[in-house]
Amino acid sequence: DDPSQAQISGSAWIKTIIGVVLLIPSSIGVLVGWLLLRLRHRA
């Protein structure tokens, strides 16, 4: 629907790699944050 948004195929792999590199630590942060919220002491 918009050929003006084209990119070289090899450039797309760089976006994918950066996404994976960011997704791993952010997923761990979500998990640890959720666990901390579950473990907090309710008086």
ModelCIF file with pLDDT and N, C-alpha, C, O atoms, coordinates in Angstrom:
data_MODEL
#
_entry.id   MODEL 
#
_entity.id                         1 
_entity.type                       polymer 
_entity.pdbx_number_of_molecules   1 
#
_entity_poly.entity_id                      1 
_entity_poly.type                           'polypeptide(L)' 
_entity_poly.nstd_linkage                   no 
_entity_poly.nstd_monomer                   no 
_entity_poly.pdbx_seq_one_letter_code       DDPSQAQISGSAWIKTIIGVVLLIPSSIGVLVGWLLLRLRHRA 
_entity_poly.pdbx_seq_one_letter_code_can   DDPSQAQISGSAWIKTIIGVVLLIPSSIGVLVGWLLLRLRHRA 
_entity_poly.pdbx_strand_id                 A 
#
loop_
_entity_poly_seq.entity_id 
_entity_poly_seq.num 
_entity_poly_seq.mon_id 
_entity_poly_seq.hetero 
1 1  ASP n 
1 2  ASP n 
1 3  PRO n 
1 4  SER n 
1 5  GLN n 
1 6  ALA n 
1 7  GLN n 
1 8  ILE n 
1 9  SER n 
1 10 GLY n 
1 11 SER n 
1 12 ALA n 
1 13 TRP n 
1 14 ILE n 
1 15 LYS n 
1 16 THR n 
1 17 ILE n 
1 18 ILE n 
1 19 GLY n 
1 20 VAL n 
1 21 VAL n 
1 22 LEU n 
1 23 LEU n 
1 24 ILE n 
1 25 PRO n 
1 26 SER n 
1 27 SER n 
1 28 ILE n 
1 29 GLY n 
1 30 VAL n 
1 31 LEU n 
1 32 VAL n 
1 33 GLY n 
1 34 TRP n 
1 35 LEU n 
1 36 LEU n 
1 37 LEU n 
1 38 ARG n 
1 39 LEU n 
1 40 ARG n 
1 41 HIS n 
1 42 ARG n 
1 43 ALA n 
#
_struct_asym.id          A 
_struct_asym.entity_id   1 
#
loop_
_ma_qa_metric.id 
_ma_qa_metric.mode 
_ma_qa_metric.name 
_ma_qa_metric.software_group_id 
_ma_qa_metric.type 
1 global pLDDT . pLDDT 
2 local  pLDDT . pLDDT 
#
_ma_qa_metric_global.metric_id      1 
_ma_qa_metric_global.metric_value   84.33 
_ma_qa_metric_global.model_id       1 
_ma_qa_metric_global.ordinal_id     1 
#
loop_
_ma_qa_metric_local.label_asym_id 
_ma_qa_metric_local.label_comp_id 
_ma_qa_metric_local.label_seq_id 
_ma_qa_metric_local.metric_id 
_ma_qa_metric_local.metric_value 
_ma_qa_metric_local.model_id 
_ma_qa_metric_local.ordinal_id 
A ASP 1  2 85.00 1 1  
A ASP 2  2 84.00 1 2  
A PRO 3  2 86.00 1 3  
A SER 4  2 82.00 1 4  
A GLN 5  2 82.00 1 5  
A ALA 6  2 86.00 1 6  
A GLN 7  2 82.00 1 7  
A ILE 8  2 84.00 1 8  
A SER 9  2 78.00 1 9  
A GLY 10 2 71.00 1 10 
A SER 11 2 66.00 1 11 
A ALA 12 2 70.00 1 12 
A TRP 13 2 75.00 1 13 
A ILE 14 2 78.00 1 14 
A LYS 15 2 79.00 1 15 
A THR 16 2 84.00 1 16 
A ILE 17 2 88.00 1 17 
A ILE 18 2 88.00 1 18 
A GLY 19 2 91.00 1 19 
A VAL 20 2 93.00 1 20 
A VAL 21 2 93.00 1 21 
A LEU 22 2 93.00 1 22 
A LEU 23 2 94.00 1 23 
A ILE 24 2 95.00 1 24 
A PRO 25 2 95.00 1 25 
A SER 26 2 95.00 1 26 
A SER 27 2 95.00 1 27 
A ILE 28 2 95.00 1 28 
A GLY 29 2 95.00 1 29 
A VAL 30 2 95.00 1 30 
A LEU 31 2 95.00 1 31 
A VAL 32 2 94.00 1 32 
A GLY 33 2 93.00 1 33 
A TRP 34 2 91.00 1 34 
A LEU 35 2 91.00 1 35 
A LEU 36 2 88.00 1 36 
A LEU 37 2 87.00 1 37 
A ARG 38 2 87.00 1 38 
A LEU 39 2 84.00 1 39 
A ARG 40 2 79.00 1 40 
A HIS 41 2 59.00 1 41 
A ARG 42 2 57.00 1 42 
A ALA 43 2 44.00 1 43 
#
loop_
_atom_site.group_PDB 
_atom_site.id 
_atom_site.type_symbol 
_atom_site.label_atom_id 
_atom_site.label_alt_id 
_atom_site.label_comp_id 
_atom_site.label_asym_id 
_atom_site.label_entity_id 
_atom_site.label_seq_id 
_atom_site.pdbx_PDB_ins_code 
_atom_site.Cartn_x 
_atom_site.Cartn_y 
_atom_site.Cartn_z 
_atom_site.occupancy 
_atom_site.B_iso_or_equiv 
_atom_site.pdbx_formal_charge 
_atom_site.auth_seq_id 
_atom_site.auth_comp_id 
_atom_site.auth_asym_id 
_atom_site.auth_atom_id 
_atom_site.pdbx_PDB_model_num 
ATOM 1   N N  . ASP A 1 1  ? 0.796  -1.220  0.000  1.00 85.00 ? 1  ASP A N  1 
ATOM 2   C CA . ASP A 1 1  ? 0.000  0.000   0.000  1.00 85.00 ? 1  ASP A CA 1 
ATOM 3   C C  . ASP A 1 1  ? 0.838  1.285   0.000  1.00 85.00 ? 1  ASP A C  1 
ATOM 4   O O  . ASP A 1 1  ? 0.296  2.364   -0.237 1.00 85.00 ? 1  ASP A O  1 
ATOM 5   N N  . ASP A 1 2  ? 2.156  1.190   0.263  1.00 84.00 ? 2  ASP A N  1 
ATOM 6   C CA . ASP A 1 2  ? 3.009  2.384   0.255  1.00 84.00 ? 2  ASP A CA 1 
ATOM 7   C C  . ASP A 1 2  ? 4.437  2.014   -0.137 1.00 84.00 ? 2  ASP A C  1 
ATOM 8   O O  . ASP A 1 2  ? 5.301  1.901   0.733  1.00 84.00 ? 2  ASP A O  1 
ATOM 9   N N  . PRO A 1 3  ? 4.703  1.822   -1.436 1.00 86.00 ? 3  PRO A N  1 
ATOM 10  C CA . PRO A 1 3  ? 6.053  1.438   -1.877 1.00 86.00 ? 3  PRO A CA 1 
ATOM 11  C C  . PRO A 1 3  ? 7.134  2.458   -1.542 1.00 86.00 ? 3  PRO A C  1 
ATOM 12  O O  . PRO A 1 3  ? 8.318  2.125   -1.575 1.00 86.00 ? 3  PRO A O  1 
ATOM 13  N N  . SER A 1 4  ? 6.756  3.687   -1.222 1.00 82.00 ? 4  SER A N  1 
ATOM 14  C CA . SER A 1 4  ? 7.764  4.688   -0.857 1.00 82.00 ? 4  SER A CA 1 
ATOM 15  C C  . SER A 1 4  ? 8.430  4.363   0.484  1.00 82.00 ? 4  SER A C  1 
ATOM 16  O O  . SER A 1 4  ? 9.460  4.949   0.819  1.00 82.00 ? 4  SER A O  1 
ATOM 17  N N  . GLN A 1 5  ? 7.855  3.443   1.243  1.00 82.00 ? 5  GLN A N  1 
ATOM 18  C CA . GLN A 1 5  ? 8.429  3.023   2.525  1.00 82.00 ? 5  GLN A CA 1 
ATOM 19  C C  . GLN A 1 5  ? 9.343  1.812   2.371  1.00 82.00 ? 5  GLN A C  1 
ATOM 20  O O  . GLN A 1 5  ? 9.497  1.033   3.312  1.00 82.00 ? 5  GLN A O  1 
ATOM 21  N N  . ALA A 1 6  ? 9.935  1.646   1.229  1.00 86.00 ? 6  ALA A N  1 
ATOM 22  C CA . ALA A 1 6  ? 10.786 0.493   0.943  1.00 86.00 ? 6  ALA A CA 1 
ATOM 23  C C  . ALA A 1 6  ? 12.071 0.545   1.759  1.00 86.00 ? 6  ALA A C  1 
ATOM 24  O O  . ALA A 1 6  ? 12.485 1.597   2.248  1.00 86.00 ? 6  ALA A O  1 
ATOM 25  N N  . GLN A 1 7  ? 12.677 -0.611  1.886  1.00 82.00 ? 7  GLN A N  1 
ATOM 26  C CA . GLN A 1 7  ? 13.983 -0.719  2.533  1.00 82.00 ? 7  GLN A CA 1 
ATOM 27  C C  . GLN A 1 7  ? 14.746 -1.878  1.933  1.00 82.00 ? 7  GLN A C  1 
ATOM 28  O O  . GLN A 1 7  ? 14.155 -2.820  1.404  1.00 82.00 ? 7  GLN A O  1 
ATOM 29  N N  . ILE A 1 8  ? 16.056 -1.803  2.019  1.00 84.00 ? 8  ILE A N  1 
ATOM 30  C CA . ILE A 1 8  ? 16.885 -2.910  1.555  1.00 84.00 ? 8  ILE A CA 1 
ATOM 31  C C  . ILE A 1 8  ? 16.695 -4.060  2.535  1.00 84.00 ? 8  ILE A C  1 
ATOM 32  O O  . ILE A 1 8  ? 16.694 -3.843  3.747  1.00 84.00 ? 8  ILE A O  1 
ATOM 33  N N  . SER A 1 9  ? 16.536 -5.267  2.032  1.00 78.00 ? 9  SER A N  1 
ATOM 34  C CA . SER A 1 9  ? 16.229 -6.420  2.884  1.00 78.00 ? 9  SER A CA 1 
ATOM 35  C C  . SER A 1 9  ? 17.240 -6.616  4.002  1.00 78.00 ? 9  SER A C  1 
ATOM 36  O O  . SER A 1 9  ? 16.854 -6.966  5.117  1.00 78.00 ? 9  SER A O  1 
ATOM 37  N N  . GLY A 1 10 ? 18.502 -6.405  3.742  1.00 71.00 ? 10 GLY A N  1 
ATOM 38  C CA . GLY A 1 10 ? 19.524 -6.578  4.773  1.00 71.00 ? 10 GLY A CA 1 
ATOM 39  C C  . GLY A 1 10 ? 19.362 -5.611  5.925  1.00 71.00 ? 10 GLY A C  1 
ATOM 40  O O  . GLY A 1 10 ? 19.708 -5.944  7.058  1.00 71.00 ? 10 GLY A O  1 
ATOM 41  N N  . SER A 1 11 ? 18.844 -4.421  5.665  1.00 66.00 ? 11 SER A N  1 
ATOM 42  C CA . SER A 1 11 ? 18.623 -3.432  6.719  1.00 66.00 ? 11 SER A CA 1 
ATOM 43  C C  . SER A 1 11 ? 17.535 -3.895  7.678  1.00 66.00 ? 11 SER A C  1 
ATOM 44  O O  . SER A 1 11 ? 17.551 -3.542  8.857  1.00 66.00 ? 11 SER A O  1 
ATOM 45  N N  . ALA A 1 12 ? 16.602 -4.675  7.183  1.00 70.00 ? 12 ALA A N  1 
ATOM 46  C CA . ALA A 1 12 ? 15.528 -5.178  8.038  1.00 70.00 ? 12 ALA A CA 1 
ATOM 47  C C  . ALA A 1 12 ? 16.069 -6.128  9.102  1.00 70.00 ? 12 ALA A C  1 
ATOM 48  O O  . ALA A 1 12 ? 15.553 -6.164  10.218 1.00 70.00 ? 12 ALA A O  1 
ATOM 49  N N  . TRP A 1 13 ? 17.089 -6.885  8.771  1.00 75.00 ? 13 TRP A N  1 
ATOM 50  C CA . TRP A 1 13 ? 17.672 -7.805  9.749  1.00 75.00 ? 13 TRP A CA 1 
ATOM 51  C C  . TRP A 1 13 ? 18.304 -7.056  10.906 1.00 75.00 ? 13 TRP A C  1 
ATOM 52  O O  . TRP A 1 13 ? 18.289 -7.537  12.039 1.00 75.00 ? 13 TRP A O  1 
ATOM 53  N N  . ILE A 1 14 ? 18.857 -5.885  10.634 1.00 78.00 ? 14 ILE A N  1 
ATOM 54  C CA . ILE A 1 14 ? 19.451 -5.097  11.712 1.00 78.00 ? 14 ILE A CA 1 
ATOM 55  C C  . ILE A 1 14 ? 18.372 -4.668  12.700 1.00 78.00 ? 14 ILE A C  1 
ATOM 56  O O  . ILE A 1 14 ? 18.583 -4.727  13.911 1.00 78.00 ? 14 ILE A O  1 
ATOM 57  N N  . LYS A 1 15 ? 17.214 -4.236  12.193 1.00 79.00 ? 15 LYS A N  1 
ATOM 58  C CA . LYS A 1 15 ? 16.100 -3.882  13.074 1.00 79.00 ? 15 LYS A CA 1 
ATOM 59  C C  . LYS A 1 15 ? 15.667 -5.086  13.909 1.00 79.00 ? 15 LYS A C  1 
ATOM 60  O O  . LYS A 1 15 ? 15.368 -4.949  15.096 1.00 79.00 ? 15 LYS A O  1 
ATOM 61  N N  . THR A 1 16 ? 15.634 -6.261  13.291 1.00 84.00 ? 16 THR A N  1 
ATOM 62  C CA . THR A 1 16 ? 15.230 -7.466  14.009 1.00 84.00 ? 16 THR A CA 1 
ATOM 63  C C  . THR A 1 16 ? 16.219 -7.799  15.115 1.00 84.00 ? 16 THR A C  1 
ATOM 64  O O  . THR A 1 16 ? 15.814 -8.131  16.229 1.00 84.00 ? 16 THR A O  1 
ATOM 65  N N  . ILE A 1 17 ? 17.498 -7.716  14.822 1.00 88.00 ? 17 ILE A N  1 
ATOM 66  C CA . ILE A 1 17 ? 18.524 -8.028  15.822 1.00 88.00 ? 17 ILE A CA 1 
ATOM 67  C C  . ILE A 1 17 ? 18.453 -7.042  16.980 1.00 88.00 ? 17 ILE A C  1 
ATOM 68  O O  . ILE A 1 17 ? 18.519 -7.445  18.141 1.00 88.00 ? 17 ILE A O  1 
ATOM 69  N N  . ILE A 1 18 ? 18.320 -5.757  16.677 1.00 88.00 ? 18 ILE A N  1 
ATOM 70  C CA . ILE A 1 18 ? 18.200 -4.752  17.741 1.00 88.00 ? 18 ILE A CA 1 
ATOM 71  C C  . ILE A 1 18 ? 16.958 -5.026  18.585 1.00 88.00 ? 18 ILE A C  1 
ATOM 72  O O  . ILE A 1 18 ? 16.997 -4.888  19.808 1.00 88.00 ? 18 ILE A O  1 
ATOM 73  N N  . GLY A 1 19 ? 15.858 -5.412  17.941 1.00 91.00 ? 19 GLY A N  1 
ATOM 74  C CA . GLY A 1 19 ? 14.643 -5.742  18.673 1.00 91.00 ? 19 GLY A CA 1 
ATOM 75  C C  . GLY A 1 19 ? 14.823 -6.912  19.613 1.00 91.00 ? 19 GLY A C  1 
ATOM 76  O O  . GLY A 1 19 ? 14.350 -6.876  20.749 1.00 91.00 ? 19 GLY A O  1 
ATOM 77  N N  . VAL A 1 20 ? 15.504 -7.955  19.151 1.00 93.00 ? 20 VAL A N  1 
ATOM 78  C CA . VAL A 1 20 ? 15.748 -9.125  20.003 1.00 93.00 ? 20 VAL A CA 1 
ATOM 79  C C  . VAL A 1 20 ? 16.657 -8.757  21.168 1.00 93.00 ? 20 VAL A C  1 
ATOM 80  O O  . VAL A 1 20 ? 16.422 -9.171  22.303 1.00 93.00 ? 20 VAL A O  1 
ATOM 81  N N  . VAL A 1 21 ? 17.705 -7.969  20.879 1.00 93.00 ? 21 VAL A N  1 
ATOM 82  C CA . VAL A 1 21 ? 18.633 -7.555  21.935 1.00 93.00 ? 21 VAL A CA 1 
ATOM 83  C C  . VAL A 1 21 ? 17.906 -6.729  23.004 1.00 93.00 ? 21 VAL A C  1 
ATOM 84  O O  . VAL A 1 21 ? 18.220 -6.847  24.189 1.00 93.00 ? 21 VAL A O  1 
ATOM 85  N N  . LEU A 1 22 ? 16.952 -5.905  22.606 1.00 93.00 ? 22 LEU A N  1 
ATOM 86  C CA . LEU A 1 22 ? 16.178 -5.119  23.575 1.00 93.00 ? 22 LEU A CA 1 
ATOM 87  C C  . LEU A 1 22 ? 15.104 -5.943  24.276 1.00 93.00 ? 22 LEU A C  1 
ATOM 88  O O  . LEU A 1 22 ? 14.794 -5.701  25.443 1.00 93.00 ? 22 LEU A O  1 
ATOM 89  N N  . LEU A 1 23 ? 14.538 -6.910  23.570 1.00 94.00 ? 23 LEU A N  1 
ATOM 90  C CA . LEU A 1 23 ? 13.430 -7.683  24.128 1.00 94.00 ? 23 LEU A CA 1 
ATOM 91  C C  . LEU A 1 23 ? 13.868 -8.567  25.293 1.00 94.00 ? 23 LEU A C  1 
ATOM 92  O O  . LEU A 1 23 ? 13.122 -8.717  26.261 1.00 94.00 ? 23 LEU A O  1 
ATOM 93  N N  . ILE A 1 24 ? 15.042 -9.145  25.220 1.00 95.00 ? 24 ILE A N  1 
ATOM 94  C CA . ILE A 1 24 ? 15.491 -10.070 26.273 1.00 95.00 ? 24 ILE A CA 1 
ATOM 95  C C  . ILE A 1 24 ? 15.624 -9.363  27.625 1.00 95.00 ? 24 ILE A C  1 
ATOM 96  O O  . ILE A 1 24 ? 14.980 -9.796  28.580 1.00 95.00 ? 24 ILE A O  1 
ATOM 97  N N  . PRO A 1 25 ? 16.431 -8.289  27.758 1.00 95.00 ? 25 PRO A N  1 
ATOM 98  C CA . PRO A 1 25 ? 16.523 -7.652  29.084 1.00 95.00 ? 25 PRO A CA 1 
ATOM 99  C C  . PRO A 1 25 ? 15.223 -6.984  29.527 1.00 95.00 ? 25 PRO A C  1 
ATOM 100 O O  . PRO A 1 25 ? 14.928 -6.948  30.722 1.00 95.00 ? 25 PRO A O  1 
ATOM 101 N N  . SER A 1 26 ? 14.440 -6.454  28.580 1.00 95.00 ? 26 SER A N  1 
ATOM 102 C CA . SER A 1 26 ? 13.187 -5.825  28.993 1.00 95.00 ? 26 SER A CA 1 
ATOM 103 C C  . SER A 1 26 ? 12.202 -6.868  29.506 1.00 95.00 ? 26 SER A C  1 
ATOM 104 O O  . SER A 1 26 ? 11.438 -6.586  30.429 1.00 95.00 ? 26 SER A O  1 
ATOM 105 N N  . SER A 1 27 ? 12.203 -8.058  28.932 1.00 95.00 ? 27 SER A N  1 
ATOM 106 C CA . SER A 1 27 ? 11.341 -9.134  29.439 1.00 95.00 ? 27 SER A CA 1 
ATOM 107 C C  . SER A 1 27 ? 11.766 -9.555  30.838 1.00 95.00 ? 27 SER A C  1 
ATOM 108 O O  . SER A 1 27 ? 10.924 -9.832  31.693 1.00 95.00 ? 27 SER A O  1 
ATOM 109 N N  . ILE A 1 28 ? 13.053 -9.601  31.066 1.00 95.00 ? 28 ILE A N  1 
ATOM 110 C CA . ILE A 1 28 ? 13.552 -9.928  32.415 1.00 95.00 ? 28 ILE A CA 1 
ATOM 111 C C  . ILE A 1 28 ? 13.139 -8.826  33.393 1.00 95.00 ? 28 ILE A C  1 
ATOM 112 O O  . ILE A 1 28 ? 12.758 -9.123  34.525 1.00 95.00 ? 28 ILE A O  1 
ATOM 113 N N  . GLY A 1 29 ? 13.209 -7.555  32.971 1.00 95.00 ? 29 GLY A N  1 
ATOM 114 C CA . GLY A 1 29 ? 12.773 -6.453  33.821 1.00 95.00 ? 29 GLY A CA 1 
ATOM 115 C C  . GLY A 1 29 ? 11.299 -6.529  34.170 1.00 95.00 ? 29 GLY A C  1 
ATOM 116 O O  . GLY A 1 29 ? 10.910 -6.251  35.304 1.00 95.00 ? 29 GLY A O  1 
ATOM 117 N N  . VAL A 1 30 ? 10.470 -6.908  33.191 1.00 95.00 ? 30 VAL A N  1 
ATOM 118 C CA . VAL A 1 30 ? 9.039  -7.076  33.443 1.00 95.00 ? 30 VAL A CA 1 
ATOM 119 C C  . VAL A 1 30 ? 8.818  -8.188  34.464 1.00 95.00 ? 30 VAL A C  1 
ATOM 120 O O  . VAL A 1 30 ? 8.031  -8.036  35.398 1.00 95.00 ? 30 VAL A O  1 
ATOM 121 N N  . LEU A 1 31 ? 9.510  -9.294  34.282 1.00 95.00 ? 31 LEU A N  1 
ATOM 122 C CA . LEU A 1 31 ? 9.361  -10.436 35.201 1.00 95.00 ? 31 LEU A CA 1 
ATOM 123 C C  . LEU A 1 31 ? 9.798  -10.074 36.620 1.00 95.00 ? 31 LEU A C  1 
ATOM 124 O O  . LEU A 1 31 ? 9.081  -10.359 37.579 1.00 95.00 ? 31 LEU A O  1 
ATOM 125 N N  . VAL A 1 32 ? 10.960 -9.452  36.758 1.00 94.00 ? 32 VAL A N  1 
ATOM 126 C CA . VAL A 1 32 ? 11.464 -9.087  38.083 1.00 94.00 ? 32 VAL A CA 1 
ATOM 127 C C  . VAL A 1 32 ? 10.548 -8.040  38.726 1.00 94.00 ? 32 VAL A C  1 
ATOM 128 O O  . VAL A 1 32 ? 10.255 -8.127  39.918 1.00 94.00 ? 32 VAL A O  1 
ATOM 129 N N  . GLY A 1 33 ? 10.097 -7.057  37.951 1.00 93.00 ? 33 GLY A N  1 
ATOM 130 C CA . GLY A 1 33 ? 9.173  -6.058  38.484 1.00 93.00 ? 33 GLY A CA 1 
ATOM 131 C C  . GLY A 1 33 ? 7.879  -6.679  38.961 1.00 93.00 ? 33 GLY A C  1 
ATOM 132 O O  . GLY A 1 33 ? 7.369  -6.323  40.024 1.00 93.00 ? 33 GLY A O  1 
ATOM 133 N N  . TRP A 1 34 ? 7.342  -7.609  38.183 1.00 91.00 ? 34 TRP A N  1 
ATOM 134 C CA . TRP A 1 34 ? 6.107  -8.297  38.577 1.00 91.00 ? 34 TRP A CA 1 
ATOM 135 C C  . TRP A 1 34 ? 6.327  -9.098  39.849 1.00 91.00 ? 34 TRP A C  1 
ATOM 136 O O  . TRP A 1 34 ? 5.483  -9.090  40.745 1.00 91.00 ? 34 TRP A O  1 
ATOM 137 N N  . LEU A 1 35 ? 7.478  -9.803  39.934 1.00 91.00 ? 35 LEU A N  1 
ATOM 138 C CA . LEU A 1 35 ? 7.766  -10.585 41.146 1.00 91.00 ? 35 LEU A CA 1 
ATOM 139 C C  . LEU A 1 35 ? 7.905  -9.692  42.374 1.00 91.00 ? 35 LEU A C  1 
ATOM 140 O O  . LEU A 1 35 ? 7.423  -10.034 43.454 1.00 91.00 ? 35 LEU A O  1 
ATOM 141 N N  . LEU A 1 36 ? 8.559  -8.560  42.210 1.00 88.00 ? 36 LEU A N  1 
ATOM 142 C CA . LEU A 1 36 ? 8.693  -7.644  43.347 1.00 88.00 ? 36 LEU A CA 1 
ATOM 143 C C  . LEU A 1 36 ? 7.334  -7.142  43.812 1.00 88.00 ? 36 LEU A C  1 
ATOM 144 O O  . LEU A 1 36 ? 7.096  -7.020  45.013 1.00 88.00 ? 36 LEU A O  1 
ATOM 145 N N  . LEU A 1 37 ? 6.441  -6.852  42.871 1.00 87.00 ? 37 LEU A N  1 
ATOM 146 C CA . LEU A 1 37 ? 5.100  -6.421  43.263 1.00 87.00 ? 37 LEU A CA 1 
ATOM 147 C C  . LEU A 1 37 ? 4.336  -7.528  43.977 1.00 87.00 ? 37 LEU A C  1 
ATOM 148 O O  . LEU A 1 37 ? 3.564  -7.257  44.897 1.00 87.00 ? 37 LEU A O  1 
ATOM 149 N N  . ARG A 1 38 ? 4.545  -8.759  43.561 1.00 87.00 ? 38 ARG A N  1 
ATOM 150 C CA . ARG A 1 38 ? 3.863  -9.892  44.208 1.00 87.00 ? 38 ARG A CA 1 
ATOM 151 C C  . ARG A 1 38 ? 4.427  -10.163 45.603 1.00 87.00 ? 38 ARG A C  1 
ATOM 152 O O  . ARG A 1 38 ? 3.709  -10.633 46.486 1.00 87.00 ? 38 ARG A O  1 
ATOM 153 N N  . LEU A 1 39 ? 5.715  -9.866  45.801 1.00 84.00 ? 39 LEU A N  1 
ATOM 154 C CA . LEU A 1 39 ? 6.362  -10.178 47.074 1.00 84.00 ? 39 LEU A CA 1 
ATOM 155 C C  . LEU A 1 39 ? 6.264  -9.068  48.122 1.00 84.00 ? 39 LEU A C  1 
ATOM 156 O O  . LEU A 1 39 ? 6.605  -9.270  49.288 1.00 84.00 ? 39 LEU A O  1 
ATOM 157 N N  . ARG A 1 40 ? 5.799  -7.912  47.697 1.00 79.00 ? 40 ARG A N  1 
ATOM 158 C CA . ARG A 1 40 ? 5.751  -6.811  48.668 1.00 79.00 ? 40 ARG A CA 1 
ATOM 159 C C  . ARG A 1 40 ? 4.852  -7.181  49.837 1.00 79.00 ? 40 ARG A C  1 
ATOM 160 O O  . ARG A 1 40 ? 3.852  -7.883  49.687 1.00 79.00 ? 40 ARG A O  1 
ATOM 161 N N  . HIS A 1 41 ? 5.225  -6.704  50.961 1.00 59.00 ? 41 HIS A N  1 
ATOM 162 C CA . HIS A 1 41 ? 4.500  -7.037  52.192 1.00 59.00 ? 41 HIS A CA 1 
ATOM 163 C C  . HIS A 1 41 ? 3.321  -6.115  52.367 1.00 59.00 ? 41 HIS A C  1 
ATOM 164 O O  . HIS A 1 41 ? 3.470  -4.893  52.357 1.00 59.00 ? 41 HIS A O  1 
ATOM 165 N N  . ARG A 1 42 ? 2.173  -6.683  52.523 1.00 57.00 ? 42 ARG A N  1 
ATOM 166 C CA . ARG A 1 42 ? 0.981  -5.899  52.826 1.00 57.00 ? 42 ARG A CA 1 
ATOM 167 C C  . ARG A 1 42 ? 0.825  -5.922  54.360 1.00 57.00 ? 42 ARG A C  1 
ATOM 168 O O  . ARG A 1 42 ? 0.686  -6.972  54.987 1.00 57.00 ? 42 ARG A O  1 
ATOM 169 N N  . ALA A 1 43 ? 0.855  -4.766  54.894 1.00 44.00 ? 43 ALA A N  1 
ATOM 170 C CA . ALA A 1 43 ? 0.790  -4.673  56.360 1.00 44.00 ? 43 ALA A CA 1 
ATOM 171 C C  . ALA A 1 43 ? -0.519 -5.273  56.860 1.00 44.00 ? 43 ALA A C  1 
ATOM 172 O O  . ALA A 1 43 ? -0.769 -5.293  58.065 1.00 44.00 ? 43 ALA A O  1 
#
